[in-house]
Amino acid sequence: MAIHLVTYDFPVNSIKEFWRDMARGSAPLVMLKNSMPEEEWNEKEKAALEYLEETLTNLPASLSSDAWLGCGRK
C-alpha cells in the first residue's frame, strides 16, 4: 500500500469566476446546491461571494488544497 500527498492550487483571478468554477466542479458544493431550493441556494451563494470579496482582496491569488490518496492491492 502507498499513500501520496497531492496538492492542487486553485488560481483566483476573479471572485466570480472562482466561485462559478467551484460551484460547478466541487462535489460538496454541487451536492449542497442540489439539496436545497433555488432561493435558499441563491442566499448561500450571495453570502459566499460577499465573504470571498472581503477575504480575497489581493488578486490574482492562489488557494491550495491537499488530499491524501491511498493505493493498495487486495
Foldseek 3Di string as FASTA:
>chain_A
DDKDKDKDKDWPADLVVSLVCCCPPPVVNVVVCVVDDPVVNVVVSVVVSVVCCVVVVDPGDIDMDMDMDDDDDD
